[in-house]
N, C-alpha and C. Protein backbone atom coordinates (compact mmCIF):
# COMPACT_ATOMS: atom_id res chain seq x y z
N MET A 1 0.86 -1.17 0.00
CA MET A 1 0.00 0.00 0.00
C MET A 1 0.90 1.23 0.00
N GLY A 2 0.54 2.20 -0.81
CA GLY A 2 1.27 3.45 -0.81
C GLY A 2 0.92 4.28 0.43
N ARG A 3 1.83 5.15 0.81
CA ARG A 3 1.61 5.96 2.02
C ARG A 3 0.43 6.91 1.85
N ASN A 4 0.25 7.49 0.68
CA ASN A 4 -0.89 8.38 0.48
C ASN A 4 -2.21 7.63 0.62
N THR A 5 -2.26 6.39 0.14
CA THR A 5 -3.46 5.58 0.30
C THR A 5 -3.71 5.28 1.77
N PHE A 6 -2.65 4.93 2.49
CA PHE A 6 -2.77 4.70 3.93
C PHE A 6 -3.30 5.95 4.63
N ASN A 7 -2.80 7.11 4.23
CA ASN A 7 -3.19 8.37 4.86
C ASN A 7 -4.61 8.81 4.53
N MET A 8 -5.28 8.15 3.59
CA MET A 8 -6.64 8.54 3.23
C MET A 8 -7.62 8.30 4.38
N ALA A 9 -7.29 7.40 5.29
CA ALA A 9 -8.18 7.15 6.44
C ALA A 9 -8.04 8.30 7.42
N ASP A 10 -9.16 8.87 7.83
CA ASP A 10 -9.12 9.93 8.84
C ASP A 10 -8.52 9.41 10.14
N ASP A 11 -8.82 8.17 10.46
CA ASP A 11 -8.31 7.54 11.67
C ASP A 11 -7.76 6.17 11.28
N PRO A 12 -6.44 6.03 11.11
CA PRO A 12 -5.87 4.74 10.69
C PRO A 12 -6.20 3.58 11.62
N ASP A 13 -6.56 3.85 12.88
CA ASP A 13 -6.95 2.78 13.78
C ASP A 13 -8.21 2.06 13.31
N LEU A 14 -9.00 2.72 12.48
CA LEU A 14 -10.24 2.11 11.98
C LEU A 14 -9.98 0.98 10.99
N TYR A 15 -8.78 0.93 10.40
CA TYR A 15 -8.45 -0.14 9.47
C TYR A 15 -8.62 -1.52 10.13
N ALA A 16 -8.23 -1.62 11.41
CA ALA A 16 -8.15 -2.92 12.09
C ALA A 16 -9.45 -3.71 11.99
N ASP A 17 -10.57 -3.07 12.13
CA ASP A 17 -11.84 -3.81 12.13
C ASP A 17 -12.71 -3.54 10.90
N ASN A 18 -12.31 -2.60 10.06
CA ASN A 18 -13.19 -2.18 8.98
C ASN A 18 -12.62 -2.33 7.58
N TYR A 19 -11.32 -2.53 7.42
CA TYR A 19 -10.73 -2.56 6.09
C TYR A 19 -11.06 -3.86 5.38
N GLU A 20 -11.39 -3.77 4.10
CA GLU A 20 -11.83 -4.95 3.35
C GLU A 20 -10.76 -6.04 3.25
N PHE A 21 -9.50 -5.67 3.30
CA PHE A 21 -8.42 -6.65 3.24
C PHE A 21 -7.86 -6.87 4.64
N GLN A 22 -8.24 -7.96 5.26
CA GLN A 22 -7.75 -8.30 6.60
C GLN A 22 -6.55 -9.23 6.45
N VAL A 23 -5.43 -8.64 6.08
CA VAL A 23 -4.18 -9.36 5.81
C VAL A 23 -3.02 -8.48 6.28
N PRO A 24 -1.82 -9.02 6.33
CA PRO A 24 -0.67 -8.15 6.61
C PRO A 24 -0.53 -7.08 5.51
N ILE A 25 -0.35 -5.85 5.92
CA ILE A 25 -0.21 -4.74 4.97
C ILE A 25 1.17 -4.13 5.13
N PHE A 26 1.83 -3.92 4.01
CA PHE A 26 3.15 -3.32 3.98
C PHE A 26 3.00 -1.94 3.34
N VAL A 27 3.27 -0.90 4.12
CA VAL A 27 3.06 0.46 3.66
C VAL A 27 4.39 1.05 3.20
N LEU A 28 4.46 1.41 1.93
CA LEU A 28 5.64 2.01 1.35
C LEU A 28 5.72 3.46 1.80
N CYS A 29 6.81 3.85 2.46
CA CYS A 29 6.89 5.22 2.97
C CYS A 29 8.34 5.65 3.15
N GLU A 30 8.53 6.95 3.28
CA GLU A 30 9.87 7.49 3.56
C GLU A 30 10.16 7.45 5.05
N ASN A 31 9.12 7.69 5.87
CA ASN A 31 9.27 7.69 7.32
C ASN A 31 8.08 6.98 7.94
N GLU A 32 8.34 6.25 9.03
CA GLU A 32 7.26 5.60 9.74
C GLU A 32 6.42 6.64 10.46
N PRO A 33 5.11 6.39 10.61
CA PRO A 33 4.27 7.34 11.34
C PRO A 33 4.65 7.37 12.82
N LYS A 34 4.34 8.47 13.47
CA LYS A 34 4.63 8.61 14.90
C LYS A 34 3.78 7.64 15.71
N HIS A 35 2.56 7.39 15.26
CA HIS A 35 1.64 6.50 15.95
C HIS A 35 1.43 5.26 15.09
N HIS A 36 1.76 4.08 15.61
CA HIS A 36 1.51 2.83 14.89
C HIS A 36 0.03 2.51 15.02
N PRO A 37 -0.67 2.29 13.90
CA PRO A 37 -2.11 2.07 13.97
C PRO A 37 -2.48 0.76 14.67
N LYS A 38 -3.68 0.74 15.16
CA LYS A 38 -4.24 -0.45 15.80
C LYS A 38 -4.25 -1.58 14.77
N GLU A 39 -3.98 -2.80 15.25
CA GLU A 39 -3.97 -3.97 14.40
C GLU A 39 -4.97 -4.99 14.94
N SER A 40 -5.30 -5.96 14.09
CA SER A 40 -6.15 -7.07 14.52
C SER A 40 -5.34 -8.35 14.36
N LYS A 41 -5.96 -9.47 14.65
CA LYS A 41 -5.27 -10.75 14.51
C LYS A 41 -4.82 -10.97 13.06
N GLU A 42 -5.67 -10.60 12.11
CA GLU A 42 -5.39 -10.82 10.69
C GLU A 42 -4.68 -9.65 10.04
N LEU A 43 -4.98 -8.44 10.46
CA LEU A 43 -4.45 -7.24 9.80
C LEU A 43 -3.31 -6.65 10.63
N THR A 44 -2.12 -6.61 10.03
CA THR A 44 -0.96 -6.01 10.68
C THR A 44 -0.34 -4.99 9.72
N PHE A 45 0.39 -4.05 10.26
CA PHE A 45 1.05 -3.02 9.44
C PHE A 45 2.56 -3.10 9.61
N THR A 46 3.27 -3.10 8.49
CA THR A 46 4.71 -2.97 8.47
C THR A 46 5.01 -1.77 7.58
N PHE A 47 5.72 -0.80 8.10
CA PHE A 47 6.08 0.39 7.34
C PHE A 47 7.46 0.19 6.74
N VAL A 48 7.52 0.17 5.41
CA VAL A 48 8.74 -0.16 4.68
C VAL A 48 9.36 1.11 4.14
N THR A 49 10.57 1.40 4.59
CA THR A 49 11.28 2.61 4.16
C THR A 49 12.42 2.29 3.18
N GLN A 50 12.60 1.02 2.84
CA GLN A 50 13.72 0.61 1.98
C GLN A 50 13.36 0.52 0.50
N GLY A 51 12.17 0.97 0.10
CA GLY A 51 11.82 0.98 -1.32
C GLY A 51 10.84 -0.12 -1.72
N ILE A 52 10.38 0.00 -2.96
CA ILE A 52 9.33 -0.87 -3.46
C ILE A 52 9.76 -2.33 -3.54
N GLU A 53 11.01 -2.59 -3.93
CA GLU A 53 11.47 -3.97 -4.02
C GLU A 53 11.41 -4.66 -2.65
N SER A 54 11.82 -3.95 -1.61
CA SER A 54 11.77 -4.50 -0.25
C SER A 54 10.33 -4.73 0.19
N ALA A 55 9.45 -3.79 -0.11
CA ALA A 55 8.04 -3.93 0.27
C ALA A 55 7.42 -5.14 -0.41
N ILE A 56 7.70 -5.33 -1.70
CA ILE A 56 7.15 -6.46 -2.44
C ILE A 56 7.73 -7.77 -1.92
N ALA A 57 9.03 -7.81 -1.65
CA ALA A 57 9.66 -9.03 -1.14
C ALA A 57 9.06 -9.42 0.22
N GLN A 58 8.87 -8.45 1.09
CA GLN A 58 8.28 -8.74 2.40
C GLN A 58 6.83 -9.22 2.27
N ALA A 59 6.09 -8.58 1.36
CA ALA A 59 4.69 -8.99 1.14
C ALA A 59 4.62 -10.41 0.58
N LYS A 60 5.51 -10.75 -0.36
CA LYS A 60 5.52 -12.10 -0.92
C LYS A 60 5.88 -13.14 0.14
N ALA A 61 6.83 -12.81 1.00
CA ALA A 61 7.21 -13.74 2.07
C ALA A 61 6.04 -13.97 3.02
N ALA A 62 5.30 -12.91 3.33
CA ALA A 62 4.15 -13.04 4.23
C ALA A 62 3.00 -13.80 3.56
N ALA A 63 2.85 -13.63 2.25
CA ALA A 63 1.73 -14.25 1.53
C ALA A 63 1.96 -15.73 1.26
N GLY A 64 3.19 -16.16 1.23
CA GLY A 64 3.46 -17.57 0.91
C GLY A 64 3.01 -17.88 -0.50
N GLU A 65 2.07 -18.81 -0.64
CA GLU A 65 1.56 -19.22 -1.95
C GLU A 65 0.44 -18.31 -2.47
N LYS A 66 -0.05 -17.40 -1.64
CA LYS A 66 -1.14 -16.53 -2.04
C LYS A 66 -0.63 -15.36 -2.88
N GLU A 67 -1.56 -14.70 -3.58
CA GLU A 67 -1.20 -13.55 -4.40
C GLU A 67 -0.98 -12.32 -3.54
N VAL A 68 -0.17 -11.40 -4.05
CA VAL A 68 0.07 -10.12 -3.40
C VAL A 68 -0.62 -9.05 -4.24
N THR A 69 -1.39 -8.19 -3.58
CA THR A 69 -2.06 -7.08 -4.25
C THR A 69 -1.42 -5.78 -3.79
N VAL A 70 -1.10 -4.91 -4.74
CA VAL A 70 -0.55 -3.60 -4.42
C VAL A 70 -1.66 -2.58 -4.60
N ILE A 71 -1.87 -1.76 -3.59
CA ILE A 71 -2.91 -0.74 -3.64
C ILE A 71 -2.24 0.61 -3.48
N GLY A 72 -2.53 1.52 -4.39
CA GLY A 72 -1.91 2.84 -4.28
C GLY A 72 -2.26 3.70 -5.46
N GLY A 73 -1.71 4.87 -5.44
CA GLY A 73 -1.95 5.83 -6.50
C GLY A 73 -0.83 5.83 -7.54
N ALA A 74 -0.69 6.96 -8.20
CA ALA A 74 0.25 7.07 -9.31
C ALA A 74 1.69 6.78 -8.90
N SER A 75 2.15 7.32 -7.79
CA SER A 75 3.54 7.12 -7.38
C SER A 75 3.84 5.65 -7.13
N THR A 76 2.96 4.96 -6.43
CA THR A 76 3.17 3.54 -6.14
C THR A 76 3.14 2.73 -7.43
N ALA A 77 2.20 3.02 -8.31
CA ALA A 77 2.11 2.30 -9.59
C ALA A 77 3.37 2.55 -10.42
N GLN A 78 3.85 3.78 -10.45
CA GLN A 78 5.07 4.10 -11.20
C GLN A 78 6.27 3.32 -10.68
N GLN A 79 6.40 3.26 -9.36
CA GLN A 79 7.52 2.53 -8.77
C GLN A 79 7.46 1.04 -9.10
N CYS A 80 6.26 0.47 -9.04
CA CYS A 80 6.08 -0.95 -9.37
C CYS A 80 6.42 -1.23 -10.83
N LEU A 81 5.92 -0.39 -11.73
CA LEU A 81 6.18 -0.59 -13.15
C LEU A 81 7.66 -0.43 -13.47
N LYS A 82 8.27 0.60 -12.92
CA LYS A 82 9.70 0.85 -13.19
C LYS A 82 10.57 -0.28 -12.66
N ALA A 83 10.23 -0.81 -11.48
CA ALA A 83 11.02 -1.91 -10.89
C ALA A 83 10.65 -3.27 -11.47
N GLU A 84 9.63 -3.32 -12.32
CA GLU A 84 9.17 -4.55 -12.97
C GLU A 84 8.81 -5.62 -11.94
N VAL A 85 8.04 -5.23 -10.91
CA VAL A 85 7.66 -6.17 -9.85
C VAL A 85 6.18 -6.53 -9.88
N VAL A 86 5.48 -6.18 -10.97
CA VAL A 86 4.06 -6.51 -11.06
C VAL A 86 3.78 -7.31 -12.34
N ASP A 87 2.77 -8.17 -12.24
CA ASP A 87 2.35 -8.98 -13.39
C ASP A 87 1.09 -8.42 -14.04
N GLU A 88 0.26 -7.74 -13.23
CA GLU A 88 -0.99 -7.18 -13.73
C GLU A 88 -1.16 -5.77 -13.21
N LEU A 89 -1.94 -5.00 -13.94
CA LEU A 89 -2.21 -3.61 -13.58
C LEU A 89 -3.71 -3.38 -13.72
N GLN A 90 -4.36 -2.97 -12.63
CA GLN A 90 -5.77 -2.63 -12.70
C GLN A 90 -5.89 -1.12 -12.55
N ILE A 91 -6.59 -0.52 -13.48
CA ILE A 91 -6.82 0.92 -13.45
C ILE A 91 -8.31 1.15 -13.26
N ASP A 92 -8.65 1.90 -12.23
CA ASP A 92 -10.04 2.24 -11.97
C ASP A 92 -10.28 3.68 -12.39
N LEU A 93 -11.30 3.88 -13.20
CA LEU A 93 -11.65 5.20 -13.71
C LEU A 93 -12.97 5.67 -13.13
N MET A 94 -13.00 6.93 -12.74
CA MET A 94 -14.23 7.57 -12.27
C MET A 94 -14.55 8.72 -13.23
N PRO A 95 -15.82 9.06 -13.42
CA PRO A 95 -16.19 10.10 -14.38
C PRO A 95 -15.97 11.52 -13.83
N VAL A 96 -14.74 11.80 -13.44
CA VAL A 96 -14.37 13.12 -12.93
C VAL A 96 -13.00 13.47 -13.49
N LEU A 97 -12.84 14.67 -14.01
CA LEU A 97 -11.53 15.13 -14.48
C LEU A 97 -10.98 16.11 -13.46
N LEU A 98 -9.78 15.81 -12.99
CA LEU A 98 -9.14 16.66 -11.99
C LEU A 98 -8.17 17.60 -12.66
N TRP A 99 -7.99 18.75 -12.09
CA TRP A 99 -7.11 19.75 -12.70
C TRP A 99 -5.66 19.61 -12.27
N ALA A 100 -5.38 18.78 -11.28
CA ALA A 100 -4.01 18.64 -10.79
C ALA A 100 -3.79 17.22 -10.29
N GLY A 101 -2.56 16.92 -10.00
CA GLY A 101 -2.22 15.61 -9.46
C GLY A 101 -1.09 14.98 -10.24
N LEU A 102 -0.72 13.79 -9.83
CA LEU A 102 0.35 13.07 -10.50
C LEU A 102 -0.17 12.41 -11.77
N LYS A 103 0.65 12.40 -12.79
CA LYS A 103 0.31 11.71 -14.03
C LYS A 103 0.66 10.24 -13.84
N LEU A 104 -0.28 9.36 -14.14
CA LEU A 104 -0.13 7.94 -13.85
C LEU A 104 1.08 7.31 -14.53
N PHE A 105 1.34 7.65 -15.77
CA PHE A 105 2.40 6.96 -16.51
C PHE A 105 3.64 7.82 -16.71
N GLU A 106 3.88 8.74 -15.80
CA GLU A 106 5.10 9.53 -15.80
C GLU A 106 6.13 8.81 -14.94
N HIS A 107 7.39 8.99 -15.20
CA HIS A 107 8.47 8.44 -14.37
C HIS A 107 8.51 6.92 -14.32
N ILE A 108 8.20 6.26 -15.44
CA ILE A 108 8.24 4.78 -15.43
C ILE A 108 9.42 4.25 -16.24
N GLY A 109 10.29 5.12 -16.70
CA GLY A 109 11.46 4.68 -17.44
C GLY A 109 11.30 4.88 -18.92
N GLU A 110 12.33 4.47 -19.63
CA GLU A 110 12.39 4.68 -21.08
C GLU A 110 11.83 3.52 -21.89
N ASN A 111 11.74 2.35 -21.29
CA ASN A 111 11.30 1.17 -22.04
C ASN A 111 9.79 1.14 -22.20
N GLN A 112 9.37 0.73 -23.38
CA GLN A 112 7.94 0.59 -23.65
C GLN A 112 7.40 -0.57 -22.82
N ILE A 113 6.22 -0.40 -22.26
CA ILE A 113 5.57 -1.46 -21.50
C ILE A 113 4.32 -1.87 -22.27
N GLU A 114 4.29 -3.14 -22.67
CA GLU A 114 3.16 -3.64 -23.43
C GLU A 114 2.14 -4.24 -22.48
N LEU A 115 0.87 -3.87 -22.67
CA LEU A 115 -0.22 -4.35 -21.83
C LEU A 115 -1.19 -5.17 -22.67
N GLU A 116 -1.72 -6.22 -22.07
CA GLU A 116 -2.77 -7.02 -22.70
C GLU A 116 -4.03 -6.88 -21.86
N LYS A 117 -5.10 -6.40 -22.46
CA LYS A 117 -6.36 -6.21 -21.73
C LYS A 117 -6.96 -7.57 -21.38
N LEU A 118 -7.23 -7.76 -20.08
CA LEU A 118 -7.83 -9.01 -19.61
C LEU A 118 -9.32 -8.87 -19.36
N SER A 119 -9.74 -7.72 -18.80
CA SER A 119 -11.16 -7.55 -18.54
C SER A 119 -11.50 -6.08 -18.32
N VAL A 120 -12.77 -5.78 -18.54
CA VAL A 120 -13.33 -4.46 -18.25
C VAL A 120 -14.58 -4.71 -17.43
N ARG A 121 -14.68 -4.02 -16.30
CA ARG A 121 -15.82 -4.24 -15.40
C ARG A 121 -16.35 -2.89 -14.94
N GLU A 122 -17.65 -2.77 -14.95
CA GLU A 122 -18.29 -1.55 -14.46
C GLU A 122 -19.02 -1.84 -13.16
N VAL A 123 -18.71 -1.05 -12.14
CA VAL A 123 -19.38 -1.17 -10.84
C VAL A 123 -19.84 0.24 -10.47
N GLY A 124 -21.14 0.48 -10.58
CA GLY A 124 -21.64 1.83 -10.34
C GLY A 124 -21.02 2.79 -11.35
N GLU A 125 -20.46 3.87 -10.85
CA GLU A 125 -19.83 4.87 -11.72
C GLU A 125 -18.41 4.50 -12.11
N ARG A 126 -17.80 3.53 -11.43
CA ARG A 126 -16.40 3.17 -11.65
C ARG A 126 -16.28 2.14 -12.77
N THR A 127 -15.28 2.35 -13.63
CA THR A 127 -14.91 1.38 -14.65
C THR A 127 -13.52 0.86 -14.30
N SER A 128 -13.40 -0.46 -14.15
CA SER A 128 -12.12 -1.09 -13.83
C SER A 128 -11.62 -1.83 -15.06
N ILE A 129 -10.37 -1.56 -15.41
CA ILE A 129 -9.75 -2.24 -16.54
C ILE A 129 -8.54 -3.01 -16.00
N LEU A 130 -8.50 -4.30 -16.26
CA LEU A 130 -7.40 -5.15 -15.81
C LEU A 130 -6.52 -5.50 -16.99
N PHE A 131 -5.22 -5.26 -16.84
CA PHE A 131 -4.24 -5.55 -17.87
C PHE A 131 -3.21 -6.55 -17.34
N ARG A 132 -2.72 -7.40 -18.22
CA ARG A 132 -1.55 -8.22 -17.92
C ARG A 132 -0.37 -7.50 -18.53
N ILE A 133 0.75 -7.49 -17.82
CA ILE A 133 1.96 -6.87 -18.34
C ILE A 133 2.69 -7.93 -19.13
N VAL A 134 2.85 -7.67 -20.42
CA VAL A 134 3.52 -8.62 -21.33
C VAL A 134 5.01 -8.53 -21.08
N LYS A 135 5.60 -9.68 -20.78
CA LYS A 135 7.06 -9.72 -20.50
C LYS A 135 7.79 -10.48 -21.56
C-alpha cells in the first residue's frame, strides 16, 4: 500500500476492524508514522522505508503461496512498473476530471511497457480495466 493511500483514512486505527483486506499490509513510505495504527489478529502493518522492491519481497514472504495485491496511486504504480515487480495492472476510472495531481504513466522509465487487456468491469460509476503486463 502506498503511504498516500494509507493516509486517506481519517483515523488509521479504523483499518483494524473495517478494512476490506484483513491481511498483513506493507506500507511504502519514507518515514514511519509517529503512531503505529491499531492492528487485529489478521491485519498487521509494516512500514517499509527501503523501497518498493523491499516492500514487495516482504509482502511475498508473508503471503506464501497466495497472491500479493498492491494498492496505491500514481507514485506507487510508477515505482512498481519501473522496478518490474508486477504482473498485472488494474486501473479504476471515475467520471471526474481533476485539474491537478500526478500523471499515472510519468516516471516509469524509457522502455515501452506492453499491456494485454484481460477484462473491463463496471461497478456503479467506476470502470475497472485489468491488464496483464507482457514480459
